[in-house]
Amino acid sequence: EVVEGATAYCRAAEALLARYPGGALRSEAWAAAEAISTGVDSAERRVCAQLLLPPLVRATDDAEAARRLSGFVGALLDGGSRADIADALALGVAFHGPLLALWRLGSLTGEHDGTGERLIECGLRFGLKENASLRRQARF
């Protein structure tokens, strides 16, 4: 029932963001995305990542979207459960373009964001059979 509510909200926001990509709607959608993406229900987080975040990221400038997504990934990594880590990996893979630009993992001067390193470390420590495709993709 709760997942159905999140799905309905995400679908409505997706349609509205396509037509009205700026302003208060975008701010409200980011607030909802944060609440869902950092919440305890993994099924709701997956719905948000599939339905709400793609159009929301498209409607937002790259730097702001990357900053917000990195915050979601960091919060999930702090949760520490297997579901949290799997969802953090899924977000990192799905939105690797803006996240890699923000994290600057290739920086030779050491001026990079530690969230990306933490995500890769958690992904590589993940079980070999469980979420093996996400584990492989964590090496991006």
C-alpha atoms as a PDB file:
ATOM      1  CA  GLU A   1       0.000   0.000   0.000  1.00  0.00           C
ATOM      2  CA  VAL A   2       2.778   2.437   0.913  1.00  0.00           C
ATOM      3  CA  VAL A   3       4.752   1.517  -2.211  1.00  0.00           C
ATOM      4  CA  GLU A   4       1.627   2.129  -4.288  1.00  0.00           C
ATOM      5  CA  GLY A   5       1.401   5.642  -2.816  1.00  0.00           C
ATOM      6  CA  ALA A   6       5.047   6.327  -3.609  1.00  0.00           C
ATOM      7  CA  THR A   7       4.525   4.968  -7.124  1.00  0.00           C
ATOM      8  CA  ALA A   8       1.496   7.199  -7.680  1.00  0.00           C
ATOM      9  CA  TYR A   9       3.362  10.270  -6.410  1.00  0.00           C
ATOM     10  CA  CYS A  10       6.412   9.503  -8.541  1.00  0.00           C
ATOM     11  CA  ARG A  11       4.330   9.003 -11.681  1.00  0.00           C
ATOM     12  CA  ALA A  12       2.418  12.253 -11.116  1.00  0.00           C
ATOM     13  CA  ALA A  13       5.600  14.203 -10.397  1.00  0.00           C
ATOM     14  CA  GLU A  14       7.265  12.670 -13.459  1.00  0.00           C
ATOM     15  CA  ALA A  15       4.436  13.887 -15.693  1.00  0.00           C
ATOM     16  CA  LEU A  16       4.365  17.341 -14.123  1.00  0.00           C
ATOM     17  CA  LEU A  17       8.143  17.787 -14.267  1.00  0.00           C
ATOM     18  CA  ALA A  18       8.091  17.057 -17.991  1.00  0.00           C
ATOM     19  CA  ARG A  19       5.673  19.932 -18.481  1.00  0.00           C
ATOM     20  CA  TYR A  20       6.828  22.322 -15.703  1.00  0.00           C
ATOM     21  CA  PRO A  21      10.518  21.613 -14.993  1.00  0.00           C
ATOM     22  CA  GLY A  22      11.231  24.545 -12.684  1.00  0.00           C
ATOM     23  CA  GLY A  23      10.095  26.376  -9.606  1.00  0.00           C
ATOM     24  CA  ALA A  24       8.230  25.144  -6.590  1.00  0.00           C
ATOM     25  CA  LEU A  25       7.297  21.809  -8.148  1.00  0.00           C
ATOM     26  CA  ARG A  26      10.953  20.884  -8.580  1.00  0.00           C
ATOM     27  CA  SER A  27      11.720  21.889  -4.990  1.00  0.00           C
ATOM     28  CA  GLU A  28       8.829  19.800  -3.687  1.00  0.00           C
ATOM     29  CA  ALA A  29       9.888  16.857  -5.818  1.00  0.00           C
ATOM     30  CA  TRP A  30      13.451  17.047  -4.443  1.00  0.00           C
ATOM     31  CA  ALA A  31      12.066  17.119  -0.894  1.00  0.00           C
ATOM     32  CA  ALA A  32       9.955  14.035  -1.630  1.00  0.00           C
ATOM     33  CA  ALA A  33      12.895  12.315  -3.339  1.00  0.00           C
ATOM     34  CA  GLU A  34      15.079  12.968  -0.306  1.00  0.00           C
ATOM     35  CA  ALA A  35      12.469  11.616   2.099  1.00  0.00           C
ATOM     36  CA  ILE A  36      11.956   8.483   0.016  1.00  0.00           C
ATOM     37  CA  SER A  37      15.602   7.923  -0.999  1.00  0.00           C
ATOM     38  CA  THR A  38      16.911   8.169   2.538  1.00  0.00           C
ATOM     39  CA  GLY A  39      13.945   6.379   4.119  1.00  0.00           C
ATOM     40  CA  VAL A  40      13.786   2.838   5.430  1.00  0.00           C
ATOM     41  CA  ASP A  41      11.729   1.179   2.673  1.00  0.00           C
ATOM     42  CA  SER A  42      13.980  -0.228  -0.042  1.00  0.00           C
ATOM     43  CA  ALA A  43      11.038  -0.886  -2.381  1.00  0.00           C
ATOM     44  CA  GLU A  44      10.022   2.788  -2.201  1.00  0.00           C
ATOM     45  CA  ARG A  45      13.634   3.831  -2.833  1.00  0.00           C
ATOM     46  CA  ARG A  46      13.744   1.705  -5.996  1.00  0.00           C
ATOM     47  CA  VAL A  47      10.462   3.219  -7.227  1.00  0.00           C
ATOM     48  CA  CYS A  48      11.851   6.703  -6.617  1.00  0.00           C
ATOM     49  CA  ALA A  49      15.124   5.895  -8.401  1.00  0.00           C
ATOM     50  CA  GLN A  50      13.273   4.513 -11.417  1.00  0.00           C
ATOM     51  CA  LEU A  51      10.370   6.942 -11.757  1.00  0.00           C
ATOM     52  CA  LEU A  52      11.091  10.232 -10.000  1.00  0.00           C
ATOM     53  CA  LEU A  53      14.838  10.782 -10.014  1.00  0.00           C
ATOM     54  CA  PRO A  54      15.493  10.544 -13.788  1.00  0.00           C
ATOM     55  CA  PRO A  55      13.108  13.377 -14.779  1.00  0.00           C
ATOM     56  CA  LEU A  56      14.052  15.327 -11.672  1.00  0.00           C
ATOM     57  CA  VAL A  57      17.761  15.137 -12.492  1.00  0.00           C
ATOM     58  CA  ARG A  58      17.004  16.202 -16.083  1.00  0.00           C
ATOM     59  CA  ALA A  59      15.042  19.227 -14.772  1.00  0.00           C
ATOM     60  CA  THR A  60      17.890  20.302 -12.454  1.00  0.00           C
ATOM     61  CA  ASP A  61      21.316  21.700 -13.284  1.00  0.00           C
ATOM     62  CA  ASP A  62      24.073  19.097 -13.095  1.00  0.00           C
ATOM     63  CA  ALA A  63      25.913  20.494 -10.078  1.00  0.00           C
ATOM     64  CA  GLU A  64      22.804  20.698  -7.878  1.00  0.00           C
ATOM     65  CA  ALA A  65      21.541  17.281  -8.964  1.00  0.00           C
ATOM     66  CA  ALA A  66      24.937  15.688  -8.303  1.00  0.00           C
ATOM     67  CA  ARG A  67      25.165  17.306  -4.875  1.00  0.00           C
ATOM     68  CA  ARG A  68      21.720  16.060  -3.887  1.00  0.00           C
ATOM     69  CA  LEU A  69      22.292  12.552  -5.273  1.00  0.00           C
ATOM     70  CA  SER A  70      25.638  12.338  -3.485  1.00  0.00           C
ATOM     71  CA  GLY A  71      23.842  13.199  -0.250  1.00  0.00           C
ATOM     72  CA  PHE A  72      21.376  10.357  -0.845  1.00  0.00           C
ATOM     73  CA  VAL A  73      24.229   7.926  -1.528  1.00  0.00           C
ATOM     74  CA  GLY A  74      26.082   9.060   1.605  1.00  0.00           C
ATOM     75  CA  ALA A  75      22.983   8.693   3.777  1.00  0.00           C
ATOM     76  CA  LEU A  76      22.374   5.190   2.459  1.00  0.00           C
ATOM     77  CA  LEU A  77      25.988   4.186   3.062  1.00  0.00           C
ATOM     78  CA  ASP A  78      25.658   5.437   6.637  1.00  0.00           C
ATOM     79  CA  GLY A  79      22.655   3.124   7.072  1.00  0.00           C
ATOM     80  CA  GLY A  80      24.910   0.135   6.596  1.00  0.00           C
ATOM     81  CA  SER A  81      22.337  -2.572   5.870  1.00  0.00           C
ATOM     82  CA  ARG A  82      22.689  -4.721   2.759  1.00  0.00           C
ATOM     83  CA  ALA A  83      19.554  -3.110   1.286  1.00  0.00           C
ATOM     84  CA  ASP A  84      20.944   0.385   1.972  1.00  0.00           C
ATOM     85  CA  ILE A  85      24.260  -0.464   0.321  1.00  0.00           C
ATOM     86  CA  ALA A  86      22.545  -2.119  -2.658  1.00  0.00           C
ATOM     87  CA  ASP A  87      20.367   0.968  -3.150  1.00  0.00           C
ATOM     88  CA  ALA A  88      23.390   3.280  -2.817  1.00  0.00           C
ATOM     89  CA  LEU A  89      25.183   1.233  -5.476  1.00  0.00           C
ATOM     90  CA  ALA A  90      22.124   1.334  -7.721  1.00  0.00           C
ATOM     91  CA  LEU A  91      21.957   5.149  -7.415  1.00  0.00           C
ATOM     92  CA  GLY A  92      25.686   5.435  -8.079  1.00  0.00           C
ATOM     93  CA  VAL A  93      25.421   3.333 -11.208  1.00  0.00           C
ATOM     94  CA  ALA A  94      22.214   4.937 -12.501  1.00  0.00           C
ATOM     95  CA  PHE A  95      23.531   8.493 -12.077  1.00  0.00           C
ATOM     96  CA  HIS A  96      27.261   7.906 -12.512  1.00  0.00           C
ATOM     97  CA  GLY A  97      27.733  10.803 -14.942  1.00  0.00           C
ATOM     98  CA  PRO A  98      26.915  13.696 -12.604  1.00  0.00           C
ATOM     99  CA  LEU A  99      28.227  11.847  -9.537  1.00  0.00           C
ATOM    100  CA  LEU A 100      31.654  11.136 -11.047  1.00  0.00           C
ATOM    101  CA  ALA A 101      31.957  14.785 -12.056  1.00  0.00           C
ATOM    102  CA  LEU A 102      31.186  15.846  -8.468  1.00  0.00           C
ATOM    103  CA  TRP A 103      33.339  13.241  -6.749  1.00  0.00           C
ATOM    104  CA  ARG A 104      36.416  13.881  -8.966  1.00  0.00           C
ATOM    105  CA  LEU A 105      37.754  10.402  -8.233  1.00  0.00           C
ATOM    106  CA  GLY A 106      40.484  10.791 -10.848  1.00  0.00           C
ATOM    107  CA  SER A 107      41.929  13.862  -9.147  1.00  0.00           C
ATOM    108  CA  LEU A 108      45.672  13.479  -8.827  1.00  0.00           C
ATOM    109  CA  THR A 109      45.825  16.266  -6.254  1.00  0.00           C
ATOM    110  CA  GLY A 110      43.669  14.426  -3.720  1.00  0.00           C
ATOM    111  CA  GLU A 111      40.845  16.959  -3.991  1.00  0.00           C
ATOM    112  CA  HIS A 112      38.040  14.458  -4.284  1.00  0.00           C
ATOM    113  CA  ASP A 113      34.855  13.674  -2.432  1.00  0.00           C
ATOM    114  CA  GLY A 114      35.132  10.638  -0.148  1.00  0.00           C
ATOM    115  CA  THR A 115      31.569   9.482  -0.858  1.00  0.00           C
ATOM    116  CA  GLY A 116      32.611   7.945  -4.155  1.00  0.00           C
ATOM    117  CA  GLU A 117      35.464   6.055  -2.520  1.00  0.00           C
ATOM    118  CA  ARG A 118      33.147   4.806   0.224  1.00  0.00           C
ATOM    119  CA  LEU A 119      30.645   3.620  -2.376  1.00  0.00           C
ATOM    120  CA  ILE A 120      33.274   1.709  -4.318  1.00  0.00           C
ATOM    121  CA  GLU A 121      34.692   0.204  -1.138  1.00  0.00           C
ATOM    122  CA  CYS A 122      31.243  -0.977  -0.015  1.00  0.00           C
ATOM    123  CA  GLY A 123      30.504  -2.331  -3.474  1.00  0.00           C
ATOM    124  CA  LEU A 124      33.704  -4.306  -3.612  1.00  0.00           C
ATOM    125  CA  ARG A 125      33.113  -5.746  -0.131  1.00  0.00           C
ATOM    126  CA  PHE A 126      29.624  -6.902  -1.090  1.00  0.00           C
ATOM    127  CA  GLY A 127      29.052 -10.628  -1.400  1.00  0.00           C
ATOM    128  CA  LEU A 128      30.139 -12.271  -4.618  1.00  0.00           C
ATOM    129  CA  LYS A 129      26.747 -13.758  -5.453  1.00  0.00           C
ATOM    130  CA  GLU A 130      24.432 -11.193  -3.921  1.00  0.00           C
ATOM    131  CA  ASN A 131      24.107  -8.172  -6.212  1.00  0.00           C
ATOM    132  CA  ALA A 132      27.055  -9.335  -8.317  1.00  0.00           C
ATOM    133  CA  SER A 133      26.072  -7.059 -11.205  1.00  0.00           C
ATOM    134  CA  LEU A 134      26.002  -4.004  -8.935  1.00  0.00           C
ATOM    135  CA  ARG A 135      29.305  -5.086  -7.418  1.00  0.00           C
ATOM    136  CA  ARG A 136      30.867  -5.236 -10.897  1.00  0.00           C
ATOM    137  CA  GLN A 137      29.395  -1.856 -11.788  1.00  0.00           C
ATOM    138  CA  ALA A 138      30.793  -0.345  -8.575  1.00  0.00           C
ATOM    139  CA  ARG A 139      34.156  -0.503 -10.277  1.00  0.00           C
ATOM    140  CA  PHE A 140      33.079   2.228 -12.697  1.00  0.00           C
END
